[in-house]
């Protein structure tokens, strides 16, 4: 079993930055990728960014050029650097670990972008 815990969310003004962290613990093996999703009430969870075991990254069009995903080499931590934040980035952000076996989700962290 793997546990994921997100942190770093909060209230920020438009144009500001936040760095989200996802800490993984437990039996971490066979990891293919880590990803960050976000969800607003009444809408489906959407993929924001992902990073593979080989280091390839991918971003949704809505965050490309503003967000950056990274991880440590042992998959203990994943990060989402969010710059030039916009009100439409307001959401609960979740990290997800994709492995050969189960997929794991964190509990989410709230990001609110407002003046």
PDB file of N, CA and C in Angstrom:
ATOM      1  N   UNK A   1       0.828  -1.199   0.000  1.00  0.00           N
ATOM      2  CA  UNK A   1       0.000   0.000   0.000  1.00  0.00           C
ATOM      3  C   UNK A   1       0.862   1.248   0.000  1.00  0.00           C
ATOM      4  N   UNK A   2       0.379   2.263  -0.678  1.00  0.00           N
ATOM      5  CA  UNK A   2       1.063   3.545  -0.757  1.00  0.00           C
ATOM      6  C   UNK A   2       0.120   4.634  -0.268  1.00  0.00           C
ATOM      7  N   UNK A   3       0.643   5.540   0.519  1.00  0.00           N
ATOM      8  CA  UNK A   3      -0.129   6.692   0.976  1.00  0.00           C
ATOM      9  C   UNK A   3       0.462   7.948   0.337  1.00  0.00           C
ATOM     10  N   UNK A   4      -0.414   8.808  -0.135  1.00  0.00           N
ATOM     11  CA  UNK A   4      -0.011  10.082  -0.735  1.00  0.00           C
ATOM     12  C   UNK A   4      -0.639  11.218   0.054  1.00  0.00           C
ATOM     13  N   UNK A   5       0.165  12.211   0.394  1.00  0.00           N
ATOM     14  CA  UNK A   5      -0.336  13.359   1.137  1.00  0.00           C
ATOM     15  C   UNK A   5       0.115  14.638   0.424  1.00  0.00           C
ATOM     16  N   UNK A   6      -0.852  15.434   0.000  1.00  0.00           N
ATOM     17  CA  UNK A   6      -0.546  16.705  -0.647  1.00  0.00           C
ATOM     18  C   UNK A   6      -0.450  17.821   0.386  1.00  0.00           C
ATOM     19  N   UNK A   7       0.329  18.827   0.060  1.00  0.00           N
ATOM     20  CA  UNK A   7       0.428  20.019   0.893  1.00  0.00           C
ATOM     21  C   UNK A   7       0.829  21.200   0.009  1.00  0.00           C
ATOM     22  N   UNK A   8       0.725  22.395   0.584  1.00  0.00           N
ATOM     23  CA  UNK A   8       1.169  23.588  -0.123  1.00  0.00           C
ATOM     24  C   UNK A   8       0.068  24.438  -0.709  1.00  0.00           C
ATOM     25  N   UNK A   9      -1.174  23.979  -0.612  1.00  0.00           N
ATOM     26  CA  UNK A   9      -2.273  24.775  -1.127  1.00  0.00           C
ATOM     27  C   UNK A   9      -2.544  25.984  -0.251  1.00  0.00           C
ATOM     28  N   UNK A  10      -3.417  26.845  -0.740  1.00  0.00           N
ATOM     29  CA  UNK A  10      -3.766  28.034   0.036  1.00  0.00           C
ATOM     30  C   UNK A  10      -4.404  29.090  -0.829  1.00  0.00           C
ATOM     31  N   UNK A  11      -4.474  30.287  -0.290  1.00  0.00           N
ATOM     32  CA  UNK A  11      -5.062  31.435  -0.983  1.00  0.00           C
ATOM     33  C   UNK A  11      -3.935  32.289  -1.558  1.00  0.00           C
ATOM     34  N   UNK A  12      -4.049  32.631  -2.830  1.00  0.00           N
ATOM     35  CA  UNK A  12      -3.026  33.437  -3.487  1.00  0.00           C
ATOM     36  C   UNK A  12      -3.708  34.414  -4.431  1.00  0.00           C
ATOM     37  N   UNK A  13      -3.091  35.560  -4.636  1.00  0.00           N
ATOM     38  CA  UNK A  13      -3.654  36.550  -5.545  1.00  0.00           C
ATOM     39  C   UNK A  13      -3.348  36.177  -6.994  1.00  0.00           C
ATOM     40  N   UNK A  14      -4.167  36.647  -7.909  1.00  0.00           N
ATOM     41  CA  UNK A  14      -3.860  36.407  -9.332  1.00  0.00           C
ATOM     42  C   UNK A  14      -2.465  36.893  -9.672  1.00  0.00           C
ATOM     43  N   UNK A  15      -1.768  36.092 -10.469  1.00  0.00           N
ATOM     44  CA  UNK A  15      -0.387  36.404 -10.817  1.00  0.00           C
ATOM     45  C   UNK A  15       0.635  35.829  -9.853  1.00  0.00           C
ATOM     46  N   UNK A  16       0.163  35.320  -8.730  1.00  0.00           N
ATOM     47  CA  UNK A  16       1.056  34.762  -7.729  1.00  0.00           C
ATOM     48  C   UNK A  16       1.470  33.328  -8.033  1.00  0.00           C
ATOM     49  N   UNK A  17       2.238  32.762  -7.108  1.00  0.00           N
ATOM     50  CA  UNK A  17       2.777  31.410  -7.281  1.00  0.00           C
ATOM     51  C   UNK A  17       2.512  30.568  -6.036  1.00  0.00           C
ATOM     52  N   UNK A  18       2.411  29.278  -6.265  1.00  0.00           N
ATOM     53  CA  UNK A  18       2.352  28.292  -5.191  1.00  0.00           C
ATOM     54  C   UNK A  18       3.138  27.061  -5.634  1.00  0.00           C
ATOM     55  N   UNK A  19       3.667  26.342  -4.665  1.00  0.00           N
ATOM     56  CA  UNK A  19       4.334  25.078  -4.953  1.00  0.00           C
ATOM     57  C   UNK A  19       3.653  23.987  -4.134  1.00  0.00           C
ATOM     58  N   UNK A  20       3.024  23.050  -4.837  1.00  0.00           N
ATOM     59  CA  UNK A  20       2.379  21.931  -4.178  1.00  0.00           C
ATOM     60  C   UNK A  20       3.361  20.776  -4.044  1.00  0.00           C
ATOM     61  N   UNK A  21       3.247  20.058  -2.938  1.00  0.00           N
ATOM     62  CA  UNK A  21       4.075  18.885  -2.711  1.00  0.00           C
ATOM     63  C   UNK A  21       3.181  17.676  -2.506  1.00  0.00           C
ATOM     64  N   UNK A  22       3.675  16.533  -2.936  1.00  0.00           N
ATOM     65  CA  UNK A  22       2.990  15.262  -2.722  1.00  0.00           C
ATOM     66  C   UNK A  22       4.010  14.307  -2.127  1.00  0.00           C
ATOM     67  N   UNK A  23       3.770  13.908  -0.885  1.00  0.00           N
ATOM     68  CA  UNK A  23       4.689  13.001  -0.208  1.00  0.00           C
ATOM     69  C   UNK A  23       4.136  11.591  -0.257  1.00  0.00           C
ATOM     70  N   UNK A  24       4.950  10.658  -0.749  1.00  0.00           N
ATOM     71  CA  UNK A  24       4.549   9.261  -0.837  1.00  0.00           C
ATOM     72  C   UNK A  24       5.241   8.451   0.242  1.00  0.00           C
ATOM     73  N   UNK A  25       4.505   7.506   0.820  1.00  0.00           N
ATOM     74  CA  UNK A  25       5.082   6.600   1.800  1.00  0.00           C
ATOM     75  C   UNK A  25       4.468   5.226   1.616  1.00  0.00           C
ATOM     76  N   UNK A  26       5.139   4.227   2.194  1.00  0.00           N
ATOM     77  CA  UNK A  26       4.657   2.862   2.050  1.00  0.00           C
ATOM     78  C   UNK A  26       5.521   2.072   1.088  1.00  0.00           C
ATOM     79  N   UNK A  27       4.910   1.041   0.492  1.00  0.00           N
ATOM     80  CA  UNK A  27       5.629   0.156  -0.409  1.00  0.00           C
ATOM     81  C   UNK A  27       5.578   0.747  -1.827  1.00  0.00           C
ATOM     82  N   UNK A  28       6.612   1.509  -2.163  1.00  0.00           N
ATOM     83  CA  UNK A  28       6.670   2.203  -3.450  1.00  0.00           C
ATOM     84  C   UNK A  28       7.492   1.361  -4.413  1.00  0.00           C
ATOM     85  N   UNK A  29       6.808   0.772  -5.398  1.00  0.00           N
ATOM     86  CA  UNK A  29       7.485  -0.092  -6.358  1.00  0.00           C
ATOM     87  C   UNK A  29       6.724  -0.095  -7.678  1.00  0.00           C
ATOM     88  N   UNK A  30       7.442  -0.309  -8.757  1.00  0.00           N
ATOM     89  CA  UNK A  30       6.808  -0.410 -10.062  1.00  0.00           C
ATOM     90  C   UNK A  30       6.061   0.834 -10.501  1.00  0.00           C
ATOM     91  N   UNK A  31       6.631   2.008 -10.226  1.00  0.00           N
ATOM     92  CA  UNK A  31       5.937   3.256 -10.547  1.00  0.00           C
ATOM     93  C   UNK A  31       6.154   3.626 -12.005  1.00  0.00           C
ATOM     94  N   UNK A  32       5.063   3.913 -12.697  1.00  0.00           N
ATOM     95  CA  UNK A  32       5.133   4.359 -14.083  1.00  0.00           C
ATOM     96  C   UNK A  32       5.154   5.879 -14.184  1.00  0.00           C
ATOM     97  N   UNK A  33       4.351   6.516 -13.352  1.00  0.00           N
ATOM     98  CA  UNK A  33       4.210   7.966 -13.480  1.00  0.00           C
ATOM     99  C   UNK A  33       3.569   8.552 -12.238  1.00  0.00           C
ATOM    100  N   UNK A  34       3.757   9.842 -12.095  1.00  0.00           N
ATOM    101  CA  UNK A  34       3.030  10.634 -11.107  1.00  0.00           C
ATOM    102  C   UNK A  34       2.277  11.711 -11.868  1.00  0.00           C
ATOM    103  N   UNK A  35       1.133  12.075 -11.342  1.00  0.00           N
ATOM    104  CA  UNK A  35       0.327  13.090 -12.010  1.00  0.00           C
ATOM    105  C   UNK A  35      -0.352  13.987 -10.990  1.00  0.00           C
ATOM    106  N   UNK A  36      -0.662  15.183 -11.429  1.00  0.00           N
ATOM    107  CA  UNK A  36      -1.471  16.124 -10.649  1.00  0.00           C
ATOM    108  C   UNK A  36      -2.772  16.371 -11.408  1.00  0.00           C
ATOM    109  N   UNK A  37      -3.869  16.202 -10.691  1.00  0.00           N
ATOM    110  CA  UNK A  37      -5.194  16.482 -11.208  1.00  0.00           C
ATOM    111  C   UNK A  37      -5.791  17.627 -10.401  1.00  0.00           C
ATOM    112  N   UNK A  38      -6.847  18.205 -10.947  1.00  0.00           N
ATOM    113  CA  UNK A  38      -7.577  19.219 -10.201  1.00  0.00           C
ATOM    114  C   UNK A  38      -9.064  19.075 -10.473  1.00  0.00           C
ATOM    115  N   UNK A  39      -9.834  19.518  -9.496  1.00  0.00           N
ATOM    116  CA  UNK A  39     -11.280  19.360  -9.594  1.00  0.00           C
ATOM    117  C   UNK A  39     -11.981  20.539  -8.920  1.00  0.00           C
ATOM    118  N   UNK A  40     -13.003  21.049  -9.609  1.00  0.00           N
ATOM    119  CA  UNK A  40     -13.867  22.067  -9.027  1.00  0.00           C
ATOM    120  C   UNK A  40     -15.237  21.437  -8.817  1.00  0.00           C
ATOM    121  N   UNK A  41     -16.008  21.946  -7.875  1.00  0.00           N
ATOM    122  CA  UNK A  41     -17.326  21.351  -7.595  1.00  0.00           C
ATOM    123  C   UNK A  41     -18.203  21.297  -8.842  1.00  0.00           C
ATOM    124  N   UNK A  42     -18.812  20.145  -9.048  1.00  0.00           N
ATOM    125  CA  UNK A  42     -19.720  19.983 -10.168  1.00  0.00           C
ATOM    126  C   UNK A  42     -19.067  19.612 -11.475  1.00  0.00           C
ATOM    127  N   UNK A  43     -17.733  19.508 -11.466  1.00  0.00           N
ATOM    128  CA  UNK A  43     -17.024  19.153 -12.687  1.00  0.00           C
ATOM    129  C   UNK A  43     -16.171  17.905 -12.464  1.00  0.00           C
ATOM    130  N   UNK A  44     -15.816  17.258 -13.568  1.00  0.00           N
ATOM    131  CA  UNK A  44     -14.959  16.088 -13.468  1.00  0.00           C
ATOM    132  C   UNK A  44     -13.530  16.489 -13.118  1.00  0.00           C
ATOM    133  N   UNK A  45     -12.852  15.549 -12.504  1.00  0.00           N
ATOM    134  CA  UNK A  45     -11.437  15.763 -12.200  1.00  0.00           C
ATOM    135  C   UNK A  45     -10.666  15.801 -13.520  1.00  0.00           C
ATOM    136  N   UNK A  46      -9.777  16.788 -13.661  1.00  0.00           N
ATOM    137  CA  UNK A  46      -9.034  16.905 -14.913  1.00  0.00           C
ATOM    138  C   UNK A  46      -7.533  16.820 -14.658  1.00  0.00           C
ATOM    139  N   UNK A  47      -6.839  16.240 -15.624  1.00  0.00           N
ATOM    140  CA  UNK A  47      -5.400  16.107 -15.539  1.00  0.00           C
ATOM    141  C   UNK A  47      -4.740  17.441 -15.824  1.00  0.00           C
ATOM    142  N   UNK A  48      -3.850  17.853 -14.928  1.00  0.00           N
ATOM    143  CA  UNK A  48      -3.113  19.102 -15.126  1.00  0.00           C
ATOM    144  C   UNK A  48      -1.706  18.836 -15.640  1.00  0.00           C
ATOM    145  N   UNK A  49      -1.026  17.869 -15.034  1.00  0.00           N
ATOM    146  CA  UNK A  49       0.361  17.611 -15.398  1.00  0.00           C
ATOM    147  C   UNK A  49       0.729  16.191 -14.998  1.00  0.00           C
ATOM    148  N   UNK A  50       1.715  15.623 -15.711  1.00  0.00           N
ATOM    149  CA  UNK A  50       2.194  14.285 -15.370  1.00  0.00           C
ATOM    150  C   UNK A  50       3.676  14.178 -15.682  1.00  0.00           C
ATOM    151  N   UNK A  51       4.321  13.217 -15.013  1.00  0.00           N
ATOM    152  CA  UNK A  51       5.735  12.958 -15.256  1.00  0.00           C
ATOM    153  C   UNK A  51       5.953  11.453 -15.189  1.00  0.00           C
ATOM    154  N   UNK A  52       6.678  10.927 -16.181  1.00  0.00           N
ATOM    155  CA  UNK A  52       6.874   9.488 -16.269  1.00  0.00           C
ATOM    156  C   UNK A  52       8.165   9.060 -15.583  1.00  0.00           C
ATOM    157  N   UNK A  53       8.350   7.749 -15.516  1.00  0.00           N
ATOM    158  CA  UNK A  53       9.574   7.213 -14.933  1.00  0.00           C
ATOM    159  C   UNK A  53      10.801   7.661 -15.714  1.00  0.00           C
ATOM    160  N   UNK A  54      10.620   7.878 -17.004  1.00  0.00           N
ATOM    161  CA  UNK A  54      11.724   8.334 -17.832  1.00  0.00           C
ATOM    162  C   UNK A  54      11.956   9.826 -17.790  1.00  0.00           C
ATOM    163  N   UNK A  55      11.088  10.532 -17.066  1.00  0.00           N
ATOM    164  CA  UNK A  55      11.259  11.971 -16.923  1.00  0.00           C
ATOM    165  C   UNK A  55      10.479  12.817 -17.913  1.00  0.00           C
ATOM    166  N   UNK A  56       9.715  12.190 -18.779  1.00  0.00           N
ATOM    167  CA  UNK A  56       8.908  12.962 -19.730  1.00  0.00           C
ATOM    168  C   UNK A  56       7.755  13.621 -19.002  1.00  0.00           C
ATOM    169  N   UNK A  57       7.489  14.856 -19.363  1.00  0.00           N
ATOM    170  CA  UNK A  57       6.407  15.609 -18.733  1.00  0.00           C
ATOM    171  C   UNK A  57       5.342  15.957 -19.759  1.00  0.00           C
ATOM    172  N   UNK A  58       4.131  16.153 -19.247  1.00  0.00           N
ATOM    173  CA  UNK A  58       3.016  16.508 -20.104  1.00  0.00           C
ATOM    174  C   UNK A  58       2.106  17.443 -19.327  1.00  0.00           C
ATOM    175  N   UNK A  59       1.527  18.412 -20.040  1.00  0.00           N
ATOM    176  CA  UNK A  59       0.683  19.418 -19.391  1.00  0.00           C
ATOM    177  C   UNK A  59      -0.586  19.632 -20.197  1.00  0.00           C
ATOM    178  N   UNK A  60      -1.650  19.974 -19.481  1.00  0.00           N
ATOM    179  CA  UNK A  60      -2.865  20.360 -20.175  1.00  0.00           C
ATOM    180  C   UNK A  60      -2.640  21.728 -20.802  1.00  0.00           C
ATOM    181  N   UNK A  61      -3.405  22.023 -21.828  1.00  0.00           N
ATOM    182  CA  UNK A  61      -3.249  23.309 -22.505  1.00  0.00           C
ATOM    183  C   UNK A  61      -3.496  24.478 -21.558  1.00  0.00           C
ATOM    184  N   UNK A  62      -4.368  24.274 -20.581  1.00  0.00           N
ATOM    185  CA  UNK A  62      -4.733  25.371 -19.683  1.00  0.00           C
ATOM    186  C   UNK A  62      -3.617  25.754 -18.716  1.00  0.00           C
ATOM    187  N   UNK A  63      -2.649  24.869 -18.494  1.00  0.00           N
ATOM    188  CA  UNK A  63      -1.582  25.182 -17.542  1.00  0.00           C
ATOM    189  C   UNK A  63      -0.206  25.233 -18.190  1.00  0.00           C
ATOM    190  N   UNK A  64      -0.122  24.836 -19.452  1.00  0.00           N
ATOM    191  CA  UNK A  64       1.169  24.780 -20.136  1.00  0.00           C
ATOM    192  C   UNK A  64       1.842  26.147 -20.122  1.00  0.00           C
ATOM    193  N   UNK A  65       3.114  26.154 -19.786  1.00  0.00           N
ATOM    194  CA  UNK A  65       3.864  27.394 -19.728  1.00  0.00           C
ATOM    195  C   UNK A  65       3.795  28.099 -18.381  1.00  0.00           C
ATOM    196  N   UNK A  66       2.897  27.653 -17.515  1.00  0.00           N
ATOM    197  CA  UNK A  66       2.755  28.267 -16.192  1.00  0.00           C
ATOM    198  C   UNK A  66       3.046  27.285 -15.064  1.00  0.00           C
ATOM    199  N   UNK A  67       2.768  26.012 -15.279  1.00  0.00           N
ATOM    200  CA  UNK A  67       2.988  24.992 -14.261  1.00  0.00           C
ATOM    201  C   UNK A  67       4.175  24.120 -14.656  1.00  0.00           C
ATOM    202  N   UNK A  68       4.836  23.575 -13.631  1.00  0.00           N
ATOM    203  CA  UNK A  68       5.964  22.686 -13.871  1.00  0.00           C
ATOM    204  C   UNK A  68       5.928  21.544 -12.855  1.00  0.00           C
ATOM    205  N   UNK A  69       5.971  20.309 -13.363  1.00  0.00           N
ATOM    206  CA  UNK A  69       5.927  19.140 -12.493  1.00  0.00           C
ATOM    207  C   UNK A  69       7.332  18.568 -12.364  1.00  0.00           C
ATOM    208  N   UNK A  70       7.650  18.070 -11.191  1.00  0.00           N
ATOM    209  CA  UNK A  70       8.943  17.430 -10.965  1.00  0.00           C
ATOM    210  C   UNK A  70       8.773  16.350  -9.901  1.00  0.00           C
ATOM    211  N   UNK A  71       9.818  15.570  -9.714  1.00  0.00           N
ATOM    212  CA  UNK A  71       9.802  14.515  -8.708  1.00  0.00           C
ATOM    213  C   UNK A  71      11.228  14.195  -8.297  1.00  0.00           C
ATOM    214  N   UNK A  72      11.345  13.536  -7.149  1.00  0.00           N
ATOM    215  CA  UNK A  72      12.659  13.041  -6.775  1.00  0.00           C
ATOM    216  C   UNK A  72      12.843  11.655  -7.391  1.00  0.00           C
ATOM    217  N   UNK A  73      14.082  11.183  -7.414  1.00  0.00           N
ATOM    218  CA  UNK A  73      14.376   9.965  -8.179  1.00  0.00           C
ATOM    219  C   UNK A  73      13.760   8.714  -7.565  1.00  0.00           C
ATOM    220  N   UNK A  74      13.428   8.747  -6.292  1.00  0.00           N
ATOM    221  CA  UNK A  74      12.875   7.569  -5.615  1.00  0.00           C
ATOM    222  C   UNK A  74      11.353   7.610  -5.470  1.00  0.00           C
ATOM    223  N   UNK A  75      10.732   8.624  -6.061  1.00  0.00           N
ATOM    224  CA  UNK A  75       9.269   8.764  -6.053  1.00  0.00           C
ATOM    225  C   UNK A  75       8.716   9.097  -4.673  1.00  0.00           C
ATOM    226  N   UNK A  76       9.552   9.537  -3.753  1.00  0.00           N
ATOM    227  CA  UNK A  76       9.027   9.918  -2.449  1.00  0.00           C
ATOM    228  C   UNK A  76       8.298  11.251  -2.509  1.00  0.00           C
ATOM    229  N   UNK A  77       8.700  12.105  -3.446  1.00  0.00           N
ATOM    230  CA  UNK A  77       8.084  13.418  -3.547  1.00  0.00           C
ATOM    231  C   UNK A  77       7.800  13.769  -5.002  1.00  0.00           C
ATOM    232  N   UNK A  78       6.663  14.397  -5.189  1.00  0.00           N
ATOM    233  CA  UNK A  78       6.344  15.024  -6.462  1.00  0.00           C
ATOM    234  C   UNK A  78       5.955  16.467  -6.156  1.00  0.00           C
ATOM    235  N   UNK A  79       6.284  17.349  -7.095  1.00  0.00           N
ATOM    236  CA  UNK A  79       6.012  18.763  -6.886  1.00  0.00           C
ATOM    237  C   UNK A  79       5.285  19.351  -8.089  1.00  0.00           C
ATOM    238  N   UNK A  80       4.460  20.332  -7.811  1.00  0.00           N
ATOM    239  CA  UNK A  80       3.818  21.084  -8.888  1.00  0.00           C
ATOM    240  C   UNK A  80       4.050  22.564  -8.604  1.00  0.00           C
ATOM    241  N   UNK A  81       4.950  23.158  -9.377  1.00  0.00           N
ATOM    242  CA  UNK A  81       5.210  24.587  -9.283  1.00  0.00           C
ATOM    243  C   UNK A  81       4.211  25.308 -10.163  1.00  0.00           C
ATOM    244  N   UNK A  82       3.450  26.212  -9.551  1.00  0.00           N
ATOM    245  CA  UNK A  82       2.390  26.912 -10.265  1.00  0.00           C
ATOM    246  C   UNK A  82       2.684  28.407 -10.237  1.00  0.00           C
ATOM    247  N   UNK A  83       2.920  28.981 -11.396  1.00  0.00           N
ATOM    248  CA  UNK A  83       3.226  30.402 -11.522  1.00  0.00           C
ATOM    249  C   UNK A  83       2.142  31.113 -12.319  1.00  0.00           C
ATOM    250  N   UNK A  84       2.118  32.429 -12.183  1.00  0.00           N
ATOM    251  CA  UNK A  84       1.144  33.245 -12.904  1.00  0.00           C
ATOM    252  C   UNK A  84      -0.263  32.671 -12.747  1.00  0.00           C
ATOM    253  N   UNK A  85      -0.641  32.406 -11.515  1.00  0.00           N
ATOM    254  CA  UNK A  85      -1.928  31.776 -11.245  1.00  0.00           C
ATOM    255  C   UNK A  85      -3.090  32.684 -11.624  1.00  0.00           C
ATOM    256  N   UNK A  86      -4.152  32.036 -12.075  1.00  0.00           N
ATOM    257  CA  UNK A  86      -5.355  32.738 -12.515  1.00  0.00           C
ATOM    258  C   UNK A  86      -6.540  32.277 -11.668  1.00  0.00           C
ATOM    259  N   UNK A  87      -7.594  33.073 -11.572  1.00  0.00           N
ATOM    260  CA  UNK A  87      -8.768  32.639 -10.798  1.00  0.00           C
ATOM    261  C   UNK A  87      -9.319  31.290 -11.261  1.00  0.00           C
ATOM    262  N   UNK A  88      -9.213  31.003 -12.543  1.00  0.00           N
ATOM    263  CA  UNK A  88      -9.718  29.719 -13.054  1.00  0.00           C
ATOM    264  C   UNK A  88      -8.871  28.522 -12.642  1.00  0.00           C
ATOM    265  N   UNK A  89      -7.735  28.774 -11.999  1.00  0.00           N
ATOM    266  CA  UNK A  89      -6.936  27.684 -11.447  1.00  0.00           C
ATOM    267  C   UNK A  89      -7.453  27.229 -10.081  1.00  0.00           C
ATOM    268  N   UNK A  90      -8.419  27.956  -9.549  1.00  0.00           N
ATOM    269  CA  UNK A  90      -9.001  27.585  -8.263  1.00  0.00           C
ATOM    270  C   UNK A  90      -9.618  26.201  -8.346  1.00  0.00           C
ATOM    271  N   UNK A  91      -9.186  25.306  -7.454  1.00  0.00           N
ATOM    272  CA  UNK A  91      -9.636  23.913  -7.476  1.00  0.00           C
ATOM    273  C   UNK A  91      -9.009  23.177  -6.306  1.00  0.00           C
ATOM    274  N   UNK A  92      -9.473  21.960  -6.094  1.00  0.00           N
ATOM    275  CA  UNK A  92      -8.766  21.031  -5.219  1.00  0.00           C
ATOM    276  C   UNK A  92      -7.795  20.255  -6.096  1.00  0.00           C
ATOM    277  N   UNK A  93      -6.543  20.223  -5.683  1.00  0.00           N
ATOM    278  CA  UNK A  93      -5.500  19.552  -6.453  1.00  0.00           C
ATOM    279  C   UNK A  93      -5.144  18.222  -5.799  1.00  0.00           C
ATOM    280  N   UNK A  94      -5.105  17.188  -6.617  1.00  0.00           N
ATOM    281  CA  UNK A  94      -4.824  15.834  -6.154  1.00  0.00           C
ATOM    282  C   UNK A  94      -3.583  15.289  -6.851  1.00  0.00           C
ATOM    283  N   UNK A  95      -2.765  14.546  -6.128  1.00  0.00           N
ATOM    284  CA  UNK A  95      -1.694  13.817  -6.794  1.00  0.00           C
ATOM    285  C   UNK A  95      -2.114  12.358  -6.936  1.00  0.00           C
ATOM    286  N   UNK A  96      -1.569  11.731  -7.952  1.00  0.00           N
ATOM    287  CA  UNK A  96      -1.896  10.345  -8.280  1.00  0.00           C
ATOM    288  C   UNK A  96      -0.621   9.618  -8.662  1.00  0.00           C
ATOM    289  N   UNK A  97      -0.468   8.405  -8.148  1.00  0.00           N
ATOM    290  CA  UNK A  97       0.664   7.564  -8.491  1.00  0.00           C
ATOM    291  C   UNK A  97       0.156   6.386  -9.324  1.00  0.00           C
ATOM    292  N   UNK A  98       0.754   6.191 -10.481  1.00  0.00           N
ATOM    293  CA  UNK A  98       0.387   5.095 -11.371  1.00  0.00           C
ATOM    294  C   UNK A  98       1.478   4.039 -11.300  1.00  0.00           C
ATOM    295  N   UNK A  99       1.085   2.814 -10.907  1.00  0.00           N
ATOM    296  CA  UNK A  99       2.058   1.737 -10.781  1.00  0.00           C
ATOM    297  C   UNK A  99       1.646   0.542 -11.629  1.00  0.00           C
ATOM    298  N   UNK A 100       2.498  -0.490 -11.601  1.00  0.00           N
ATOM    299  CA  UNK A 100       2.143  -1.748 -12.291  1.00  0.00           C
ATOM    300  C   UNK A 100       0.868  -2.342 -11.694  1.00  0.00           C
ATOM    301  N   UNK A 101       0.641  -2.101 -10.433  1.00  0.00           N
ATOM    302  CA  UNK A 101      -0.533  -2.602  -9.743  1.00  0.00           C
ATOM    303  C   UNK A 101      -1.586  -1.521  -9.592  1.00  0.00           C
ATOM    304  N   UNK A 102      -1.930  -1.206  -8.345  1.00  0.00           N
ATOM    305  CA  UNK A 102      -2.982  -0.206  -8.131  1.00  0.00           C
ATOM    306  C   UNK A 102      -2.532   1.212  -8.495  1.00  0.00           C
ATOM    307  N   UNK A 103      -3.528   2.074  -8.613  1.00  0.00           N
ATOM    308  CA  UNK A 103      -3.278   3.507  -8.681  1.00  0.00           C
ATOM    309  C   UNK A 103      -3.648   4.096  -7.329  1.00  0.00           C
ATOM    310  N   UNK A 104      -2.911   5.113  -6.924  1.00  0.00           N
ATOM    311  CA  UNK A 104      -3.128   5.707  -5.611  1.00  0.00           C
ATOM    312  C   UNK A 104      -3.407   7.194  -5.761  1.00  0.00           C
ATOM    313  N   UNK A 105      -4.277   7.674  -4.877  1.00  0.00           N
ATOM    314  CA  UNK A 105      -4.644   9.092  -4.850  1.00  0.00           C
ATOM    315  C   UNK A 105      -4.396   9.675  -3.474  1.00  0.00           C
ATOM    316  N   UNK A 106      -4.049  10.941  -3.463  1.00  0.00           N
ATOM    317  CA  UNK A 106      -4.008  11.677  -2.215  1.00  0.00           C
ATOM    318  C   UNK A 106      -5.370  12.237  -1.889  1.00  0.00           C
ATOM    319  N   UNK A 107      -5.451  12.942  -0.780  1.00  0.00           N
ATOM    320  CA  UNK A 107      -6.737  13.466  -0.317  1.00  0.00           C
ATOM    321  C   UNK A 107      -7.044  14.852  -0.881  1.00  0.00           C
ATOM    322  N   UNK A 108      -6.055  15.473  -1.478  1.00  0.00           N
ATOM    323  CA  UNK A 108      -6.252  16.764  -2.123  1.00  0.00           C
ATOM    324  C   UNK A 108      -5.866  17.943  -1.253  1.00  0.00           C
ATOM    325  N   UNK A 109      -5.534  19.040  -1.921  1.00  0.00           N
ATOM    326  CA  UNK A 109      -5.235  20.294  -1.241  1.00  0.00           C
ATOM    327  C   UNK A 109      -5.904  21.429  -2.016  1.00  0.00           C
ATOM    328  N   UNK A 110      -6.529  22.347  -1.281  1.00  0.00           N
ATOM    329  CA  UNK A 110      -7.301  23.419  -1.909  1.00  0.00           C
ATOM    330  C   UNK A 110      -6.382  24.552  -2.354  1.00  0.00           C
ATOM    331  N   UNK A 111      -6.571  24.981  -3.579  1.00  0.00           N
ATOM    332  CA  UNK A 111      -5.895  26.166  -4.111  1.00  0.00           C
ATOM    333  C   UNK A 111      -6.969  27.176  -4.496  1.00  0.00           C
ATOM    334  N   UNK A 112      -6.866  28.357  -3.949  1.00  0.00           N
ATOM    335  CA  UNK A 112      -7.824  29.417  -4.255  1.00  0.00           C
ATOM    336  C   UNK A 112      -7.063  30.632  -4.760  1.00  0.00           C
ATOM    337  N   UNK A 113      -7.417  31.083  -5.955  1.00  0.00           N
ATOM    338  CA  UNK A 113      -6.774  32.242  -6.565  1.00  0.00           C
ATOM    339  C   UNK A 113      -7.807  33.364  -6.615  1.00  0.00           C
ATOM    340  N   UNK A 114      -7.582  34.372  -5.802  1.00  0.00           N
ATOM    341  CA  UNK A 114      -8.562  35.444  -5.682  1.00  0.00           C
ATOM    342  C   UNK A 114      -7.902  36.693  -5.131  1.00  0.00           C
ATOM    343  N   UNK A 115      -8.409  37.843  -5.579  1.00  0.00           N
ATOM    344  CA  UNK A 115      -7.914  39.101  -5.038  1.00  0.00           C
ATOM    345  C   UNK A 115      -8.793  39.559  -3.886  1.00  0.00           C
TER     346      UNK A 115
END
